[in-house]
Amino acid sequence: MDEENEGPEEGLKRREFMELAIAVLAVLSGLALGLPLIGSVIKPALQKGGQHFSRVGKVDSLKMGSPEDLNFADLTEDAFIRSTDLHSVWVIKNSDTDVTAYSPICPHLGCRYKWQVDSEHFVCPCHGSVFDKNGKVVAGPAPRPLDTLPTKIENGELYVEWEQYKEGIAQKEAI
């Protein structure tokens, strides 16, 4: 009779072990798949202020008071996807410690404007909006001044935070 009693108990022990092993493997698999997803959701909230500055160039290389169209690469990371976007900004060096950066996108309908050296104005070719060197609307249908971008200077290097704003509205509102 002892042999008959040992058989079912051993079967239960094996079954319990297999259930426990499967449960542990399921939990480990869930963690392996779930942690990156949770990290991609939580990481942006933990980043300092959510600001992401990109290096544009040396402040010393900029001409004082003259608008310059500068291009820079912006490395972004979303979960496991890394991408590099190329952007341009209009930059005016006011002093060695003060630089103004304008988005190159007209606040009227999103066209790209240019600096006209002869008239010393920014001019949008699409609908005729004209802006002075300080970004204020001089003429045309633009509903607001040129959009400034956040800047910082560290160790003589200019950094700009790329942002896009809604076009066609009077207030500056990030997209």
Protein backbone atom coordinates (compact mmCIF):
# COMPACT_ATOMS: atom_id res chain seq x y z
CA MET A 1 0.00 0.00 0.00
CA ASP A 2 2.88 2.31 0.57
CA GLU A 3 3.78 2.19 -3.11
CA GLU A 4 0.27 3.22 -4.10
CA ASN A 5 0.37 6.27 -1.79
CA GLU A 6 3.79 7.42 -2.98
CA GLY A 7 2.77 7.51 -6.65
CA PRO A 8 0.07 10.18 -6.42
CA GLU A 9 2.16 12.31 -4.02
CA GLU A 10 5.13 12.28 -6.39
CA GLY A 11 2.78 13.17 -9.26
CA LEU A 12 1.46 16.14 -7.31
CA LYS A 13 4.95 17.30 -6.46
CA ARG A 14 5.98 17.15 -10.12
CA ARG A 15 2.80 18.90 -11.19
CA GLU A 16 3.28 21.62 -8.56
CA PHE A 17 6.88 22.06 -9.65
CA MET A 18 5.87 22.38 -13.32
CA GLU A 19 3.13 24.91 -12.46
CA LEU A 20 5.60 26.96 -10.44
CA ALA A 21 8.25 26.78 -13.20
CA ILE A 22 5.71 27.90 -15.84
CA ALA A 23 4.52 30.74 -13.59
CA VAL A 24 8.11 31.93 -13.02
CA LEU A 25 8.86 31.80 -16.76
CA ALA A 26 5.65 33.73 -17.52
CA VAL A 27 6.56 36.44 -15.01
CA LEU A 28 10.12 36.72 -16.36
CA SER A 29 8.83 36.89 -19.95
CA GLY A 30 6.33 39.58 -18.97
CA LEU A 31 9.05 41.63 -17.30
CA ALA A 32 11.40 41.24 -20.27
CA LEU A 33 8.72 42.51 -22.63
CA GLY A 34 7.03 45.01 -20.32
CA LEU A 35 9.96 46.92 -18.79
CA PRO A 36 11.09 48.58 -22.04
CA LEU A 37 7.52 49.63 -22.74
CA ILE A 38 7.08 51.05 -19.25
CA GLY A 39 10.48 52.76 -19.50
CA SER A 40 9.55 54.48 -22.77
CA VAL A 41 6.40 55.85 -21.14
CA ILE A 42 8.04 56.97 -17.89
CA LYS A 43 11.39 58.25 -19.24
CA PRO A 44 10.06 61.51 -20.78
CA ALA A 45 8.38 62.41 -17.49
CA LEU A 46 11.63 61.88 -15.58
CA GLN A 47 13.80 63.97 -17.90
CA LYS A 48 14.82 67.33 -16.49
CA GLY A 49 12.26 69.86 -17.66
CA GLY A 50 11.68 67.94 -20.86
CA GLN A 51 14.17 70.20 -22.65
CA HIS A 52 16.35 68.83 -25.40
CA PHE A 53 19.00 71.22 -26.67
CA SER A 54 21.07 70.57 -29.79
CA ARG A 55 24.49 72.04 -30.51
CA VAL A 56 24.30 74.59 -33.33
CA GLY A 57 27.82 76.05 -33.41
CA LYS A 58 30.35 78.36 -31.82
CA VAL A 59 29.13 81.78 -30.73
CA ASP A 60 32.49 83.32 -31.77
CA SER A 61 31.86 82.34 -35.40
CA LEU A 62 28.63 84.38 -35.57
CA LYS A 63 28.64 87.93 -36.89
CA MET A 64 27.39 90.53 -34.40
CA GLY A 65 23.87 91.79 -35.25
CA SER A 66 23.60 90.00 -38.60
CA PRO A 67 20.99 87.24 -39.13
CA GLU A 68 22.51 83.91 -40.13
CA ASP A 69 20.73 80.80 -41.36
CA LEU A 70 22.32 77.85 -39.52
CA ASN A 71 21.65 74.15 -39.96
CA PHE A 72 22.03 71.56 -37.23
CA ALA A 73 21.33 67.91 -36.55
CA ASP A 74 18.86 67.04 -33.83
CA LEU A 75 19.21 63.54 -32.38
CA THR A 76 15.95 62.30 -30.87
CA GLU A 77 15.30 59.07 -29.03
CA ASP A 78 11.85 57.57 -28.55
CA ALA A 79 11.95 54.24 -26.73
CA PHE A 80 14.43 52.23 -28.84
CA ILE A 81 14.07 54.35 -31.98
CA ARG A 82 16.81 56.89 -32.58
CA SER A 83 16.52 59.39 -35.40
CA THR A 84 18.44 62.39 -36.60
CA ASP A 85 16.48 65.30 -38.02
CA LEU A 86 18.08 68.22 -39.82
CA HIS A 87 16.74 71.66 -38.87
CA SER A 88 17.63 75.22 -39.68
CA VAL A 89 17.27 78.34 -37.53
CA TRP A 90 17.83 82.03 -38.03
CA VAL A 91 20.29 83.26 -35.41
CA ILE A 92 21.22 86.81 -34.43
CA LYS A 93 24.17 87.39 -32.11
CA ASN A 94 23.30 90.31 -29.83
CA SER A 95 26.43 89.94 -27.65
CA ASP A 96 28.90 87.22 -26.66
CA THR A 97 26.39 86.01 -24.06
CA ASP A 98 23.08 86.74 -25.82
CA VAL A 99 21.82 85.12 -29.01
CA THR A 100 18.30 85.11 -30.45
CA ALA A 101 17.17 82.11 -32.48
CA TYR A 102 14.09 82.21 -34.71
CA SER A 103 12.20 79.27 -36.12
CA PRO A 104 12.53 79.43 -39.94
CA ILE A 105 8.80 78.76 -40.31
CA CYS A 106 6.50 81.71 -40.99
CA PRO A 107 3.76 81.93 -38.33
CA HIS A 108 1.16 82.68 -41.03
CA LEU A 109 0.94 79.41 -42.99
CA GLY A 110 4.24 77.64 -42.39
CA CYS A 111 6.29 78.77 -45.40
CA ARG A 112 10.05 79.30 -45.10
CA TYR A 113 11.03 82.96 -45.03
CA LYS A 114 14.40 84.49 -45.97
CA TRP A 115 16.51 87.43 -44.85
CA GLN A 116 16.66 90.23 -47.42
CA VAL A 117 20.01 92.00 -46.96
CA ASP A 118 19.07 95.05 -49.04
CA SER A 119 15.86 95.86 -47.10
CA GLU A 120 17.11 94.35 -43.81
CA HIS A 121 13.87 92.43 -43.29
CA PHE A 122 12.76 88.84 -43.12
CA VAL A 123 10.39 88.24 -46.05
CA CYS A 124 8.02 85.33 -46.59
CA PRO A 125 7.55 84.67 -50.31
CA CYS A 126 4.20 82.88 -49.93
CA HIS A 127 1.86 85.65 -48.80
CA GLY A 128 4.08 88.70 -48.38
CA SER A 129 4.59 88.81 -44.62
CA VAL A 130 7.52 91.03 -43.66
CA PHE A 131 9.32 91.02 -40.29
CA ASP A 132 12.03 93.29 -38.88
CA LYS A 133 15.30 92.05 -37.38
CA ASN A 134 13.59 91.68 -33.98
CA GLY A 135 10.92 89.42 -35.49
CA LYS A 136 8.08 91.95 -35.30
CA VAL A 137 5.50 92.00 -38.09
CA VAL A 138 6.07 94.96 -40.42
CA ALA A 139 3.58 94.02 -43.16
CA GLY A 140 1.42 91.16 -44.37
CA PRO A 141 -1.05 88.70 -42.95
CA ALA A 142 1.19 87.08 -40.29
CA PRO A 143 -0.84 86.91 -37.04
CA ARG A 144 2.15 87.16 -34.69
CA PRO A 145 5.90 87.90 -34.62
CA LEU A 146 8.48 85.31 -35.63
CA ASP A 147 8.68 82.42 -33.20
CA THR A 148 11.78 82.47 -31.01
CA LEU A 149 13.38 79.22 -29.92
CA PRO A 150 14.96 78.54 -26.50
CA THR A 151 18.74 78.95 -26.52
CA LYS A 152 21.63 78.49 -24.13
CA ILE A 153 25.35 79.15 -24.36
CA GLU A 154 27.82 76.80 -22.67
CA ASN A 155 31.59 76.99 -23.08
CA GLY A 156 31.23 79.27 -26.10
CA GLU A 157 28.85 76.86 -27.87
CA LEU A 158 25.31 77.79 -28.89
CA TYR A 159 22.57 75.27 -28.17
CA VAL A 160 19.00 75.54 -29.47
CA GLU A 161 15.90 73.61 -28.49
CA TRP A 162 13.91 72.81 -31.64
CA GLU A 163 10.19 73.40 -31.32
CA GLN A 164 7.36 73.76 -33.81
CA TYR A 165 4.40 76.05 -33.32
CA LYS A 166 0.89 76.18 -34.76
CA GLU A 167 0.56 78.46 -37.74
CA GLY A 168 -2.19 80.96 -38.41
CA ILE A 169 -3.06 81.79 -34.80
CA ALA A 170 -2.27 84.95 -32.79
CA GLN A 171 -0.64 83.22 -29.81
CA LYS A 172 2.53 81.15 -29.87
CA GLU A 173 1.38 77.58 -29.18
CA ALA A 174 3.68 74.55 -29.41
CA ILE A 175 2.58 71.59 -31.47
